[in-house]
Amino acid sequence: MRFTGFTNNLIRMKNILLFLFIGLFATIGTAQTAATAHEPENEGWLLNLEEAFKESKETGKPIMANFTGSDWCGWCKKLTKSVFVHKEFKDWAKKNVVLLELDYPRRKKLPAALQEQNRGLQQAFRVSGYPTVWVFHLDKDDAGQFNIDPLGKTGYSKTVKEFTSGVDQMIAKRKGAE
């Protein structure tokens, strides 16, 4: 009798462990799919700060980070429609900046690593409203920590020309000061 109780407990433990492993692998698989499936809202934008840093170092261009609430922020959607989707902006961006999208959605889920990165940058730049667009240079110290050299920030603009001329002024001001 005692042996049968032990066997039943052992079988229950095996079932519990099997259930936990299945749940764990399902969660890992879903997280990996979500991480690889996530795309920026606008073509040509990067999502990862390390990638933007690498491209910025290779090209000498500053990073232009768009802090956005892509699925809920009306002004963010207006900025995208009035500026970011136009060929004129895309051509200008290729020549002048590295594009980085930092999204804070409410309805869609970002991978945890992306959420953590975006939260940290939101705090570092003290962003409290959307859209906020920061232009900056990055460097790394010997410990691998980023050092931010901000050039300036902007928000919504009605036209591509208005937006790009404002960013051009930030970049030119820094070049003139060097």
N, C-alpha and C. Protein backbone atom coordinates (compact mmCIF):
# COMPACT_ATOMS: atom_id res chain seq x y z
N MET A 1 0.82 -1.18 0.00
CA MET A 1 0.00 0.00 0.00
C MET A 1 0.87 1.25 0.00
N ARG A 2 1.83 1.27 0.86
CA ARG A 2 2.72 2.42 0.94
C ARG A 2 3.51 2.60 -0.35
N PHE A 3 3.93 1.50 -0.96
CA PHE A 3 4.68 1.53 -2.20
C PHE A 3 3.82 2.10 -3.33
N THR A 4 2.52 1.76 -3.35
CA THR A 4 1.60 2.25 -4.37
C THR A 4 1.43 3.76 -4.24
N GLY A 5 1.33 4.28 -3.05
CA GLY A 5 1.23 5.73 -2.84
C GLY A 5 2.47 6.45 -3.33
N PHE A 6 3.61 5.87 -3.08
CA PHE A 6 4.87 6.45 -3.55
C PHE A 6 4.90 6.48 -5.08
N THR A 7 4.45 5.38 -5.70
CA THR A 7 4.43 5.29 -7.17
C THR A 7 3.47 6.31 -7.74
N ASN A 8 2.30 6.46 -7.15
CA ASN A 8 1.34 7.45 -7.64
C ASN A 8 1.90 8.86 -7.53
N ASN A 9 2.57 9.17 -6.42
CA ASN A 9 3.20 10.48 -6.26
C ASN A 9 4.28 10.71 -7.30
N LEU A 10 5.05 9.68 -7.57
CA LEU A 10 6.11 9.77 -8.57
C LEU A 10 5.52 10.04 -9.95
N ILE A 11 4.45 9.37 -10.29
CA ILE A 11 3.79 9.58 -11.57
C ILE A 11 3.24 11.00 -11.66
N ARG A 12 2.62 11.49 -10.58
CA ARG A 12 2.11 12.86 -10.55
C ARG A 12 3.25 13.87 -10.73
N MET A 13 4.38 13.62 -10.07
CA MET A 13 5.54 14.51 -10.20
C MET A 13 6.06 14.53 -11.63
N LYS A 14 6.11 13.35 -12.26
CA LYS A 14 6.56 13.28 -13.66
C LYS A 14 5.62 14.07 -14.55
N ASN A 15 4.32 13.95 -14.32
CA ASN A 15 3.33 14.67 -15.12
C ASN A 15 3.47 16.18 -14.92
N ILE A 16 3.68 16.59 -13.70
CA ILE A 16 3.86 18.02 -13.41
C ILE A 16 5.12 18.54 -14.09
N LEU A 17 6.21 17.81 -13.99
CA LEU A 17 7.45 18.22 -14.64
C LEU A 17 7.30 18.26 -16.16
N LEU A 18 6.63 17.27 -16.72
CA LEU A 18 6.39 17.25 -18.16
C LEU A 18 5.58 18.48 -18.57
N PHE A 19 4.54 18.79 -17.81
CA PHE A 19 3.72 19.96 -18.08
C PHE A 19 4.56 21.24 -18.02
N LEU A 20 5.40 21.37 -17.00
CA LEU A 20 6.26 22.54 -16.86
C LEU A 20 7.24 22.68 -18.03
N PHE A 21 7.85 21.57 -18.45
CA PHE A 21 8.78 21.62 -19.58
C PHE A 21 8.07 22.00 -20.87
N ILE A 22 6.88 21.45 -21.08
CA ILE A 22 6.12 21.81 -22.29
C ILE A 22 5.79 23.30 -22.25
N GLY A 23 5.35 23.79 -21.10
CA GLY A 23 5.04 25.21 -20.96
C GLY A 23 6.26 26.08 -21.19
N LEU A 24 7.39 25.66 -20.64
CA LEU A 24 8.63 26.42 -20.79
C LEU A 24 9.05 26.50 -22.25
N PHE A 25 9.04 25.38 -22.96
CA PHE A 25 9.45 25.38 -24.36
C PHE A 25 8.46 26.14 -25.23
N ALA A 26 7.19 26.07 -24.92
CA ALA A 26 6.20 26.84 -25.67
C ALA A 26 6.43 28.33 -25.48
N THR A 27 6.75 28.74 -24.24
CA THR A 27 7.02 30.14 -23.95
C THR A 27 8.27 30.62 -24.67
N ILE A 28 9.33 29.82 -24.62
CA ILE A 28 10.58 30.19 -25.30
C ILE A 28 10.35 30.31 -26.79
N GLY A 29 9.64 29.35 -27.38
CA GLY A 29 9.36 29.38 -28.81
C GLY A 29 8.56 30.61 -29.21
N THR A 30 7.55 30.94 -28.40
CA THR A 30 6.73 32.12 -28.67
C THR A 30 7.55 33.39 -28.55
N ALA A 31 8.40 33.48 -27.54
CA ALA A 31 9.24 34.67 -27.34
C ALA A 31 10.21 34.84 -28.50
N GLN A 32 10.81 33.74 -28.96
CA GLN A 32 11.74 33.84 -30.08
C GLN A 32 11.01 34.26 -31.34
N THR A 33 9.81 33.72 -31.58
CA THR A 33 9.04 34.09 -32.75
C THR A 33 8.66 35.56 -32.69
N ALA A 34 8.23 36.03 -31.51
CA ALA A 34 7.86 37.44 -31.36
C ALA A 34 9.06 38.35 -31.59
N ALA A 35 10.22 37.95 -31.10
CA ALA A 35 11.41 38.78 -31.24
C ALA A 35 11.84 38.87 -32.69
N THR A 36 11.74 37.77 -33.42
CA THR A 36 12.19 37.79 -34.80
C THR A 36 11.11 38.36 -35.72
N ALA A 37 9.85 38.29 -35.30
CA ALA A 37 8.76 38.76 -36.14
C ALA A 37 8.53 40.26 -36.03
N HIS A 38 9.02 40.89 -34.98
CA HIS A 38 8.77 42.31 -34.78
C HIS A 38 9.54 43.14 -35.81
N GLU A 39 8.85 44.02 -36.44
CA GLU A 39 9.42 44.91 -37.46
C GLU A 39 9.15 46.35 -37.07
N PRO A 40 10.01 47.28 -37.52
CA PRO A 40 9.73 48.69 -37.24
C PRO A 40 8.48 49.15 -38.00
N GLU A 41 7.86 50.19 -37.49
CA GLU A 41 6.66 50.74 -38.13
C GLU A 41 6.97 51.30 -39.52
N ASN A 42 8.15 51.88 -39.67
CA ASN A 42 8.53 52.51 -40.93
C ASN A 42 9.76 51.84 -41.52
N GLU A 43 9.73 51.65 -42.80
CA GLU A 43 10.83 51.02 -43.53
C GLU A 43 12.12 51.82 -43.37
N GLY A 44 13.22 51.10 -43.17
CA GLY A 44 14.52 51.74 -43.08
C GLY A 44 14.96 52.12 -41.68
N TRP A 45 14.10 51.89 -40.70
CA TRP A 45 14.42 52.22 -39.32
C TRP A 45 14.97 50.99 -38.61
N LEU A 46 15.90 51.20 -37.71
CA LEU A 46 16.44 50.14 -36.87
C LEU A 46 15.69 50.13 -35.55
N LEU A 47 15.70 48.98 -34.88
CA LEU A 47 15.06 48.86 -33.58
C LEU A 47 16.08 48.72 -32.45
N ASN A 48 17.28 48.29 -32.77
CA ASN A 48 18.29 47.94 -31.79
C ASN A 48 19.35 49.03 -31.68
N LEU A 49 19.58 49.52 -30.47
CA LEU A 49 20.54 50.59 -30.24
C LEU A 49 21.96 50.17 -30.65
N GLU A 50 22.34 48.94 -30.37
CA GLU A 50 23.68 48.46 -30.75
C GLU A 50 23.88 48.53 -32.26
N GLU A 51 22.86 48.14 -33.02
CA GLU A 51 22.95 48.21 -34.48
C GLU A 51 23.06 49.66 -34.95
N ALA A 52 22.27 50.54 -34.34
CA ALA A 52 22.33 51.96 -34.70
C ALA A 52 23.70 52.54 -34.35
N PHE A 53 24.23 52.17 -33.20
CA PHE A 53 25.55 52.63 -32.78
C PHE A 53 26.61 52.19 -33.77
N LYS A 54 26.56 50.94 -34.16
CA LYS A 54 27.54 50.39 -35.11
C LYS A 54 27.48 51.14 -36.45
N GLU A 55 26.26 51.33 -36.96
CA GLU A 55 26.11 52.05 -38.23
C GLU A 55 26.56 53.51 -38.10
N SER A 56 26.25 54.13 -36.98
CA SER A 56 26.66 55.51 -36.75
C SER A 56 28.18 55.64 -36.73
N LYS A 57 28.84 54.69 -36.08
CA LYS A 57 30.31 54.72 -36.02
C LYS A 57 30.92 54.51 -37.41
N GLU A 58 30.33 53.60 -38.19
CA GLU A 58 30.84 53.31 -39.53
C GLU A 58 30.65 54.48 -40.49
N THR A 59 29.55 55.20 -40.36
CA THR A 59 29.22 56.25 -41.32
C THR A 59 29.54 57.66 -40.83
N GLY A 60 29.68 57.82 -39.51
CA GLY A 60 29.90 59.16 -38.95
C GLY A 60 28.62 59.97 -38.81
N LYS A 61 27.48 59.36 -39.10
CA LYS A 61 26.20 60.06 -39.01
C LYS A 61 25.65 59.98 -37.59
N PRO A 62 24.95 61.02 -37.15
CA PRO A 62 24.29 60.93 -35.83
C PRO A 62 23.08 60.00 -35.91
N ILE A 63 22.63 59.56 -34.76
CA ILE A 63 21.44 58.73 -34.65
C ILE A 63 20.24 59.65 -34.45
N MET A 64 19.17 59.35 -35.15
CA MET A 64 17.92 60.08 -34.96
C MET A 64 16.91 59.07 -34.41
N ALA A 65 16.55 59.23 -33.13
CA ALA A 65 15.66 58.30 -32.45
C ALA A 65 14.26 58.87 -32.35
N ASN A 66 13.29 58.12 -32.87
CA ASN A 66 11.89 58.50 -32.81
C ASN A 66 11.23 57.76 -31.65
N PHE A 67 10.93 58.48 -30.58
CA PHE A 67 10.19 57.92 -29.44
C PHE A 67 8.71 58.03 -29.79
N THR A 68 8.05 56.90 -29.97
CA THR A 68 6.70 56.90 -30.50
C THR A 68 5.79 55.92 -29.78
N GLY A 69 4.53 56.22 -29.80
CA GLY A 69 3.50 55.28 -29.37
C GLY A 69 2.73 54.90 -30.63
N SER A 70 3.30 54.02 -31.41
CA SER A 70 2.84 53.76 -32.77
C SER A 70 1.38 53.34 -32.90
N ASP A 71 0.86 52.65 -31.90
CA ASP A 71 -0.50 52.13 -32.05
C ASP A 71 -1.56 52.92 -31.27
N TRP A 72 -1.16 54.02 -30.66
CA TRP A 72 -2.15 54.79 -29.89
C TRP A 72 -1.97 56.30 -29.98
N CYS A 73 -0.78 56.78 -30.29
CA CYS A 73 -0.48 58.22 -30.26
C CYS A 73 -0.88 58.89 -31.58
N GLY A 74 -1.88 59.73 -31.52
CA GLY A 74 -2.36 60.43 -32.72
C GLY A 74 -1.30 61.29 -33.38
N TRP A 75 -0.55 62.05 -32.58
CA TRP A 75 0.49 62.93 -33.14
C TRP A 75 1.64 62.12 -33.75
N CYS A 76 1.91 60.95 -33.19
CA CYS A 76 2.95 60.07 -33.76
C CYS A 76 2.51 59.59 -35.14
N LYS A 77 1.25 59.21 -35.25
CA LYS A 77 0.71 58.76 -36.54
C LYS A 77 0.73 59.90 -37.55
N LYS A 78 0.41 61.12 -37.09
CA LYS A 78 0.43 62.28 -37.98
C LYS A 78 1.86 62.57 -38.47
N LEU A 79 2.84 62.45 -37.56
CA LEU A 79 4.24 62.68 -37.95
C LEU A 79 4.67 61.67 -38.99
N THR A 80 4.30 60.43 -38.80
CA THR A 80 4.63 59.40 -39.78
C THR A 80 4.02 59.73 -41.14
N LYS A 81 2.74 60.12 -41.16
CA LYS A 81 2.06 60.43 -42.42
C LYS A 81 2.59 61.69 -43.08
N SER A 82 2.95 62.68 -42.28
CA SER A 82 3.39 63.94 -42.86
C SER A 82 4.88 63.97 -43.20
N VAL A 83 5.68 63.07 -42.58
CA VAL A 83 7.13 63.12 -42.78
C VAL A 83 7.73 61.77 -43.15
N PHE A 84 7.66 60.80 -42.26
CA PHE A 84 8.49 59.59 -42.36
C PHE A 84 8.21 58.69 -43.56
N VAL A 85 7.02 58.72 -44.11
CA VAL A 85 6.70 57.82 -45.22
C VAL A 85 7.07 58.40 -46.60
N HIS A 86 7.46 59.65 -46.63
CA HIS A 86 7.73 60.31 -47.92
C HIS A 86 9.14 60.03 -48.43
N LYS A 87 9.23 59.87 -49.74
CA LYS A 87 10.52 59.60 -50.40
C LYS A 87 11.53 60.70 -50.09
N GLU A 88 11.08 61.92 -50.07
CA GLU A 88 11.96 63.06 -49.78
C GLU A 88 12.65 62.89 -48.41
N PHE A 89 11.89 62.45 -47.41
CA PHE A 89 12.47 62.20 -46.09
C PHE A 89 13.43 61.03 -46.14
N LYS A 90 13.02 59.93 -46.75
CA LYS A 90 13.86 58.73 -46.81
C LYS A 90 15.20 59.03 -47.49
N ASP A 91 15.16 59.80 -48.57
CA ASP A 91 16.41 60.17 -49.27
C ASP A 91 17.29 61.03 -48.37
N TRP A 92 16.68 62.00 -47.69
CA TRP A 92 17.42 62.86 -46.78
C TRP A 92 18.05 62.04 -45.65
N ALA A 93 17.27 61.13 -45.07
CA ALA A 93 17.74 60.32 -43.94
C ALA A 93 18.94 59.46 -44.34
N LYS A 94 18.90 58.85 -45.52
CA LYS A 94 20.02 58.01 -45.97
C LYS A 94 21.33 58.79 -46.00
N LYS A 95 21.25 60.06 -46.31
CA LYS A 95 22.46 60.89 -46.41
C LYS A 95 22.90 61.47 -45.07
N ASN A 96 21.97 61.62 -44.13
CA ASN A 96 22.26 62.45 -42.95
C ASN A 96 22.22 61.79 -41.58
N VAL A 97 21.41 60.75 -41.39
CA VAL A 97 21.21 60.19 -40.04
C VAL A 97 21.05 58.67 -40.09
N VAL A 98 21.19 58.06 -38.92
CA VAL A 98 20.86 56.66 -38.71
C VAL A 98 19.52 56.66 -37.98
N LEU A 99 18.53 55.98 -38.53
CA LEU A 99 17.18 56.01 -37.98
C LEU A 99 16.98 54.91 -36.94
N LEU A 100 16.47 55.29 -35.77
CA LEU A 100 16.20 54.35 -34.68
C LEU A 100 14.78 54.58 -34.17
N GLU A 101 13.97 53.52 -34.21
CA GLU A 101 12.60 53.60 -33.71
C GLU A 101 12.54 53.04 -32.29
N LEU A 102 12.02 53.84 -31.38
CA LEU A 102 11.83 53.43 -29.98
C LEU A 102 10.34 53.51 -29.69
N ASP A 103 9.69 52.37 -29.72
CA ASP A 103 8.24 52.31 -29.66
C ASP A 103 7.75 51.94 -28.26
N TYR A 104 6.61 52.53 -27.89
CA TYR A 104 5.97 52.29 -26.60
C TYR A 104 4.49 52.00 -26.86
N PRO A 105 4.21 50.86 -27.50
CA PRO A 105 2.83 50.55 -27.88
C PRO A 105 1.99 50.13 -26.67
N ARG A 106 0.69 50.22 -26.84
CA ARG A 106 -0.24 49.78 -25.79
C ARG A 106 -0.94 48.48 -26.17
N ARG A 107 -1.21 48.28 -27.46
CA ARG A 107 -1.97 47.11 -27.87
C ARG A 107 -1.08 45.97 -28.35
N LYS A 108 0.03 46.25 -28.98
CA LYS A 108 0.90 45.17 -29.43
C LYS A 108 2.02 44.95 -28.41
N LYS A 109 2.58 43.78 -28.43
CA LYS A 109 3.61 43.39 -27.46
C LYS A 109 4.98 43.38 -28.13
N LEU A 110 5.92 44.08 -27.53
CA LEU A 110 7.30 44.07 -28.00
C LEU A 110 8.07 42.98 -27.26
N PRO A 111 9.12 42.44 -27.87
CA PRO A 111 9.98 41.50 -27.14
C PRO A 111 10.54 42.17 -25.88
N ALA A 112 10.75 41.39 -24.84
CA ALA A 112 11.18 41.92 -23.55
C ALA A 112 12.48 42.73 -23.65
N ALA A 113 13.43 42.26 -24.42
CA ALA A 113 14.72 42.97 -24.56
C ALA A 113 14.51 44.35 -25.18
N LEU A 114 13.61 44.43 -26.15
CA LEU A 114 13.31 45.71 -26.80
C LEU A 114 12.58 46.64 -25.83
N GLN A 115 11.66 46.11 -25.06
CA GLN A 115 10.96 46.92 -24.06
C GLN A 115 11.96 47.50 -23.06
N GLU A 116 12.88 46.67 -22.61
CA GLU A 116 13.88 47.11 -21.63
C GLU A 116 14.79 48.19 -22.22
N GLN A 117 15.26 47.97 -23.45
CA GLN A 117 16.10 48.97 -24.11
C GLN A 117 15.36 50.29 -24.24
N ASN A 118 14.12 50.24 -24.73
CA ASN A 118 13.34 51.46 -24.96
C ASN A 118 13.04 52.20 -23.66
N ARG A 119 12.74 51.44 -22.61
CA ARG A 119 12.47 52.05 -21.30
C ARG A 119 13.72 52.78 -20.79
N GLY A 120 14.87 52.15 -20.93
CA GLY A 120 16.12 52.77 -20.49
C GLY A 120 16.43 54.05 -21.24
N LEU A 121 16.19 54.04 -22.56
CA LEU A 121 16.44 55.24 -23.35
C LEU A 121 15.43 56.34 -23.05
N GLN A 122 14.19 55.95 -22.79
CA GLN A 122 13.17 56.92 -22.40
C GLN A 122 13.60 57.64 -21.12
N GLN A 123 14.14 56.90 -20.17
CA GLN A 123 14.62 57.49 -18.92
C GLN A 123 15.86 58.34 -19.15
N ALA A 124 16.79 57.84 -19.96
CA ALA A 124 18.04 58.58 -20.21
C ALA A 124 17.76 59.93 -20.87
N PHE A 125 16.81 59.96 -21.79
CA PHE A 125 16.49 61.20 -22.50
C PHE A 125 15.35 61.98 -21.84
N ARG A 126 14.80 61.44 -20.76
CA ARG A 126 13.71 62.07 -20.01
C ARG A 126 12.52 62.42 -20.90
N VAL A 127 12.14 61.45 -21.71
CA VAL A 127 11.01 61.63 -22.62
C VAL A 127 9.71 61.40 -21.85
N SER A 128 8.83 62.39 -21.91
CA SER A 128 7.56 62.27 -21.21
C SER A 128 6.36 62.41 -22.14
N GLY A 129 6.60 62.75 -23.39
CA GLY A 129 5.52 62.90 -24.35
C GLY A 129 5.93 62.39 -25.72
N TYR A 130 4.92 62.07 -26.52
CA TYR A 130 5.18 61.51 -27.84
C TYR A 130 4.46 62.32 -28.91
N PRO A 131 5.01 62.43 -30.09
CA PRO A 131 6.34 61.95 -30.48
C PRO A 131 7.43 62.89 -29.98
N THR A 132 8.54 62.32 -29.63
CA THR A 132 9.75 63.07 -29.33
C THR A 132 10.85 62.46 -30.18
N VAL A 133 11.57 63.29 -30.89
CA VAL A 133 12.64 62.83 -31.76
C VAL A 133 13.94 63.47 -31.28
N TRP A 134 14.87 62.63 -30.84
CA TRP A 134 16.18 63.09 -30.40
C TRP A 134 17.22 62.77 -31.46
N VAL A 135 18.15 63.70 -31.65
CA VAL A 135 19.29 63.48 -32.54
C VAL A 135 20.52 63.53 -31.64
N PHE A 136 21.40 62.52 -31.79
CA PHE A 136 22.54 62.42 -30.88
C PHE A 136 23.65 61.56 -31.47
N HIS A 137 24.82 61.73 -30.91
CA HIS A 137 25.95 60.84 -31.17
C HIS A 137 26.11 59.95 -29.95
N LEU A 138 26.62 58.76 -30.19
CA LEU A 138 26.90 57.82 -29.11
C LEU A 138 28.36 57.43 -29.13
N ASP A 139 28.87 57.15 -27.97
CA ASP A 139 30.20 56.58 -27.84
C ASP A 139 30.15 55.58 -26.70
N LYS A 140 31.14 54.73 -26.62
CA LYS A 140 31.21 53.76 -25.53
C LYS A 140 32.50 53.99 -24.76
N ASP A 141 32.40 53.86 -23.43
CA ASP A 141 33.60 53.97 -22.60
C ASP A 141 34.27 52.60 -22.50
N ASP A 142 35.34 52.52 -21.76
CA ASP A 142 36.10 51.27 -21.62
C ASP A 142 35.28 50.15 -20.98
N ALA A 143 34.27 50.51 -20.20
CA ALA A 143 33.42 49.52 -19.54
C ALA A 143 32.27 49.07 -20.44
N GLY A 144 32.17 49.64 -21.66
CA GLY A 144 31.11 49.27 -22.58
C GLY A 144 29.81 50.02 -22.37
N GLN A 145 29.85 51.07 -21.53
CA GLN A 145 28.67 51.89 -21.28
C GLN A 145 28.56 52.98 -22.33
N PHE A 146 27.33 53.24 -22.79
CA PHE A 146 27.12 54.29 -23.77
C PHE A 146 27.23 55.67 -23.12
N ASN A 147 27.82 56.58 -23.87
CA ASN A 147 27.84 57.99 -23.51
C ASN A 147 27.09 58.73 -24.60
N ILE A 148 26.08 59.48 -24.21
CA ILE A 148 25.22 60.18 -25.16
C ILE A 148 25.68 61.62 -25.30
N ASP A 149 25.82 62.05 -26.55
CA ASP A 149 26.15 63.44 -26.88
C ASP A 149 24.96 64.00 -27.66
N PRO A 150 23.99 64.62 -26.96
CA PRO A 150 22.76 65.07 -27.63
C PRO A 150 23.00 66.29 -28.51
N LEU A 151 22.38 66.29 -29.69
CA LEU A 151 22.44 67.44 -30.59
C LEU A 151 21.19 68.29 -30.48
N GLY A 152 20.07 67.65 -30.16
CA GLY A 152 18.82 68.38 -30.00
C GLY A 152 17.63 67.46 -30.15
N LYS A 153 16.44 68.03 -29.91
CA LYS A 153 15.22 67.25 -30.04
C LYS A 153 14.15 68.07 -30.73
N THR A 154 13.18 67.35 -31.26
CA THR A 154 12.05 67.96 -31.93
C THR A 154 10.83 67.08 -31.73
N GLY A 155 9.74 67.50 -32.28
CA GLY A 155 8.50 66.72 -32.19
C GLY A 155 7.80 66.71 -33.53
N TYR A 156 6.51 66.94 -33.51
CA TYR A 156 5.71 66.91 -34.72
C TYR A 156 6.06 68.08 -35.64
N SER A 157 6.11 67.80 -36.92
CA SER A 157 6.25 68.82 -37.97
C SER A 157 5.24 68.51 -39.06
N LYS A 158 4.74 69.56 -39.70
CA LYS A 158 3.71 69.38 -40.72
C LYS A 158 4.26 68.87 -42.04
N THR A 159 5.52 69.20 -42.34
CA THR A 159 6.08 68.85 -43.64
C THR A 159 7.46 68.24 -43.50
N VAL A 160 7.87 67.55 -44.53
CA VAL A 160 9.21 66.97 -44.57
C VAL A 160 10.24 68.08 -44.49
N LYS A 161 10.05 69.14 -45.26
CA LYS A 161 11.02 70.25 -45.30
C LYS A 161 11.17 70.89 -43.92
N GLU A 162 10.07 71.13 -43.25
CA GLU A 162 10.12 71.72 -41.91
C GLU A 162 10.88 70.80 -40.95
N PHE A 163 10.59 69.52 -41.01
CA PHE A 163 11.24 68.55 -40.12
C PHE A 163 12.73 68.45 -40.41
N THR A 164 13.08 68.21 -41.67
CA THR A 164 14.49 67.99 -42.01
C THR A 164 15.33 69.26 -41.83
N SER A 165 14.76 70.42 -42.08
CA SER A 165 15.55 71.65 -41.89
C SER A 165 15.85 71.86 -40.40
N GLY A 166 14.91 71.50 -39.54
CA GLY A 166 15.16 71.59 -38.10
C GLY A 166 16.28 70.66 -37.66
N VAL A 167 16.27 69.43 -38.15
CA VAL A 167 17.33 68.48 -37.80
C VAL A 167 18.66 68.91 -38.43
N ASP A 168 18.61 69.41 -39.65
CA ASP A 168 19.83 69.91 -40.30
C ASP A 168 20.47 71.02 -39.47
N GLN A 169 19.65 71.88 -38.89
CA GLN A 169 20.16 72.97 -38.04
C GLN A 169 20.85 72.42 -36.80
N MET A 170 20.28 71.37 -36.20
CA MET A 170 20.92 70.74 -35.03
C MET A 170 22.30 70.20 -35.39
N ILE A 171 22.36 69.51 -36.51
CA ILE A 171 23.62 68.90 -36.95
C ILE A 171 24.64 69.97 -37.30
N ALA A 172 24.21 71.01 -38.02
CA ALA A 172 25.11 72.09 -38.43
C ALA A 172 25.62 72.87 -37.23
N LYS A 173 24.75 73.09 -36.26
CA LYS A 173 25.15 73.81 -35.04
C LYS A 173 26.28 73.09 -34.34
N ARG A 174 26.18 71.76 -34.25
CA ARG A 174 27.23 70.96 -33.60
C ARG A 174 28.52 71.00 -34.42
N LYS A 175 28.40 70.88 -35.75
CA LYS A 175 29.59 70.92 -36.60
C LYS A 175 30.29 72.27 -36.49
N GLY A 176 29.49 73.34 -36.38
CA GLY A 176 30.06 74.68 -36.25
C GLY A 176 30.76 74.89 -34.92
N ALA A 177 30.30 74.19 -33.89
CA ALA A 177 30.89 74.31 -32.56
C ALA A 177 32.18 73.50 -32.42
N GLU A 178 32.40 72.57 -33.32
CA GLU A 178 33.59 71.71 -33.22
C GLU A 178 34.83 72.37 -33.81
